[in-house]
Amino acid sequence: MEKDPVCGMLVDPRDAAAKRVVQGKDYYFCSPACAEKFDQAPERYTAPQPVKPKGDE
């Protein structure tokens, strides 16, 4: 299972509604709407996420 980078839903790559490849990495989507949102700003979803220090939750 892969995580849809837009909505966070788990997606089986074999059944994904859409797939994109950015810098050699595959991204799978639960719906065409999530893929379209990704297409508008892929850097928003592919940039490394900052790590929260422990205790900042």
N, C-alpha and C. Protein backbone atom coordinates (compact mmCIF):
# COMPACT_ATOMS: atom_id res chain seq x y z
N MET A 1 0.84 -1.18 0.00
CA MET A 1 0.00 0.00 0.00
C MET A 1 0.89 1.25 0.00
N GLU A 2 0.40 2.25 -0.70
CA GLU A 2 1.09 3.54 -0.77
C GLU A 2 0.15 4.62 -0.25
N LYS A 3 0.72 5.70 0.23
CA LYS A 3 -0.07 6.78 0.78
C LYS A 3 -0.28 7.86 -0.29
N ASP A 4 -1.54 8.21 -0.54
CA ASP A 4 -1.86 9.31 -1.45
C ASP A 4 -1.25 10.57 -0.83
N PRO A 5 -0.35 11.27 -1.54
CA PRO A 5 0.33 12.42 -0.94
C PRO A 5 -0.59 13.61 -0.70
N VAL A 6 -1.75 13.62 -1.33
CA VAL A 6 -2.66 14.76 -1.18
C VAL A 6 -3.59 14.58 0.01
N CYS A 7 -4.28 13.45 0.08
CA CYS A 7 -5.29 13.27 1.14
C CYS A 7 -4.85 12.31 2.24
N GLY A 8 -3.77 11.54 1.98
CA GLY A 8 -3.27 10.63 3.00
C GLY A 8 -3.90 9.24 2.99
N MET A 9 -4.85 9.02 2.09
CA MET A 9 -5.52 7.71 2.02
C MET A 9 -4.52 6.65 1.54
N LEU A 10 -4.64 5.44 2.07
CA LEU A 10 -3.80 4.34 1.59
C LEU A 10 -4.37 3.82 0.27
N VAL A 11 -3.48 3.63 -0.70
CA VAL A 11 -3.88 3.24 -2.05
C VAL A 11 -3.08 2.02 -2.47
N ASP A 12 -3.78 1.03 -3.00
CA ASP A 12 -3.11 -0.13 -3.59
C ASP A 12 -2.64 0.31 -4.98
N PRO A 13 -1.35 0.29 -5.26
CA PRO A 13 -0.85 0.74 -6.55
C PRO A 13 -1.52 0.05 -7.75
N ARG A 14 -1.96 -1.19 -7.57
CA ARG A 14 -2.61 -1.90 -8.67
C ARG A 14 -3.99 -1.34 -8.99
N ASP A 15 -4.62 -0.68 -8.00
CA ASP A 15 -5.97 -0.14 -8.17
C ASP A 15 -6.02 1.38 -8.13
N ALA A 16 -4.87 2.03 -8.15
CA ALA A 16 -4.84 3.49 -8.03
C ALA A 16 -5.61 4.15 -9.17
N ALA A 17 -6.29 5.24 -8.85
CA ALA A 17 -7.04 6.00 -9.86
C ALA A 17 -6.09 6.75 -10.78
N ALA A 18 -4.89 7.07 -10.28
CA ALA A 18 -3.91 7.80 -11.09
C ALA A 18 -2.52 7.57 -10.49
N LYS A 19 -1.51 7.83 -11.31
CA LYS A 19 -0.12 7.69 -10.89
C LYS A 19 0.69 8.81 -11.53
N ARG A 20 1.61 9.35 -10.78
CA ARG A 20 2.54 10.35 -11.31
C ARG A 20 3.94 9.92 -10.92
N VAL A 21 4.93 10.29 -11.73
CA VAL A 21 6.33 10.03 -11.40
C VAL A 21 7.03 11.38 -11.35
N VAL A 22 7.64 11.68 -10.21
CA VAL A 22 8.37 12.93 -10.03
C VAL A 22 9.77 12.57 -9.55
N GLN A 23 10.76 13.00 -10.30
CA GLN A 23 12.16 12.73 -9.99
C GLN A 23 12.40 11.25 -9.69
N GLY A 24 11.79 10.39 -10.50
CA GLY A 24 12.00 8.95 -10.39
C GLY A 24 11.21 8.26 -9.30
N LYS A 25 10.39 8.99 -8.56
CA LYS A 25 9.58 8.39 -7.49
C LYS A 25 8.12 8.33 -7.95
N ASP A 26 7.50 7.19 -7.69
CA ASP A 26 6.09 6.99 -8.06
C ASP A 26 5.18 7.51 -6.94
N TYR A 27 4.11 8.21 -7.35
CA TYR A 27 3.08 8.69 -6.44
C TYR A 27 1.75 8.17 -6.94
N TYR A 28 0.96 7.60 -6.04
CA TYR A 28 -0.33 6.99 -6.40
C TYR A 28 -1.45 7.77 -5.73
N PHE A 29 -2.61 7.82 -6.43
CA PHE A 29 -3.72 8.64 -5.98
C PHE A 29 -5.01 7.85 -5.90
N CYS A 30 -5.82 8.20 -4.91
CA CYS A 30 -7.10 7.52 -4.70
C CYS A 30 -8.15 7.98 -5.69
N SER A 31 -7.96 9.18 -6.26
CA SER A 31 -8.96 9.72 -7.18
C SER A 31 -8.30 10.66 -8.19
N PRO A 32 -8.96 10.89 -9.32
CA PRO A 32 -8.45 11.86 -10.28
C PRO A 32 -8.37 13.27 -9.67
N ALA A 33 -9.27 13.58 -8.74
CA ALA A 33 -9.25 14.90 -8.10
C ALA A 33 -7.96 15.12 -7.31
N CYS A 34 -7.51 14.11 -6.59
CA CYS A 34 -6.25 14.23 -5.85
C CYS A 34 -5.07 14.37 -6.82
N ALA A 35 -5.10 13.64 -7.92
CA ALA A 35 -4.02 13.74 -8.91
C ALA A 35 -3.99 15.14 -9.52
N GLU A 36 -5.15 15.72 -9.79
CA GLU A 36 -5.21 17.07 -10.36
C GLU A 36 -4.67 18.09 -9.37
N LYS A 37 -5.01 17.94 -8.10
CA LYS A 37 -4.50 18.85 -7.07
C LYS A 37 -2.98 18.75 -6.99
N PHE A 38 -2.46 17.52 -7.05
CA PHE A 38 -1.02 17.28 -7.06
C PHE A 38 -0.37 17.97 -8.26
N ASP A 39 -0.99 17.85 -9.42
CA ASP A 39 -0.45 18.43 -10.65
C ASP A 39 -0.31 19.95 -10.57
N GLN A 40 -1.16 20.59 -9.79
CA GLN A 40 -1.12 22.04 -9.67
C GLN A 40 0.07 22.53 -8.86
N ALA A 41 0.57 21.72 -7.94
CA ALA A 41 1.71 22.13 -7.10
C ALA A 41 2.43 20.90 -6.56
N PRO A 42 3.08 20.11 -7.44
CA PRO A 42 3.72 18.88 -6.98
C PRO A 42 4.78 19.11 -5.90
N GLU A 43 5.46 20.24 -5.95
CA GLU A 43 6.50 20.51 -4.95
C GLU A 43 5.92 20.59 -3.54
N ARG A 44 4.68 20.96 -3.43
CA ARG A 44 4.02 21.02 -2.12
C ARG A 44 3.91 19.63 -1.49
N TYR A 45 3.75 18.62 -2.32
CA TYR A 45 3.52 17.26 -1.84
C TYR A 45 4.77 16.39 -1.87
N THR A 46 5.82 16.83 -2.57
CA THR A 46 7.02 16.02 -2.69
C THR A 46 8.18 16.55 -1.85
N ALA A 47 8.05 17.76 -1.33
CA ALA A 47 9.12 18.33 -0.51
C ALA A 47 9.21 17.57 0.81
N PRO A 48 10.40 17.38 1.33
CA PRO A 48 10.53 16.71 2.64
C PRO A 48 9.77 17.48 3.71
N GLN A 49 9.09 16.76 4.57
CA GLN A 49 8.33 17.38 5.65
C GLN A 49 9.25 17.59 6.85
N PRO A 50 9.14 18.76 7.50
CA PRO A 50 9.97 18.98 8.69
C PRO A 50 9.60 18.01 9.80
N VAL A 51 10.59 17.61 10.55
CA VAL A 51 10.39 16.68 11.66
C VAL A 51 10.12 17.49 12.92
N LYS A 52 9.02 17.17 13.60
CA LYS A 52 8.69 17.87 14.84
C LYS A 52 9.57 17.34 15.97
N PRO A 53 10.13 18.23 16.77
CA PRO A 53 10.88 17.77 17.94
C PRO A 53 9.94 17.07 18.92
N LYS A 54 10.44 16.08 19.61
CA LYS A 54 9.59 15.37 20.59
C LYS A 54 9.13 16.36 21.66
N GLY A 55 7.87 16.22 22.03
CA GLY A 55 7.31 17.10 23.05
C GLY A 55 6.55 18.27 22.46
N ASP A 56 6.63 18.49 21.13
CA ASP A 56 5.91 19.57 20.46
C ASP A 56 4.62 19.09 19.84
N GLU A 57 3.91 18.21 20.48
CA GLU A 57 2.70 17.64 19.87
C GLU A 57 1.47 18.25 20.42
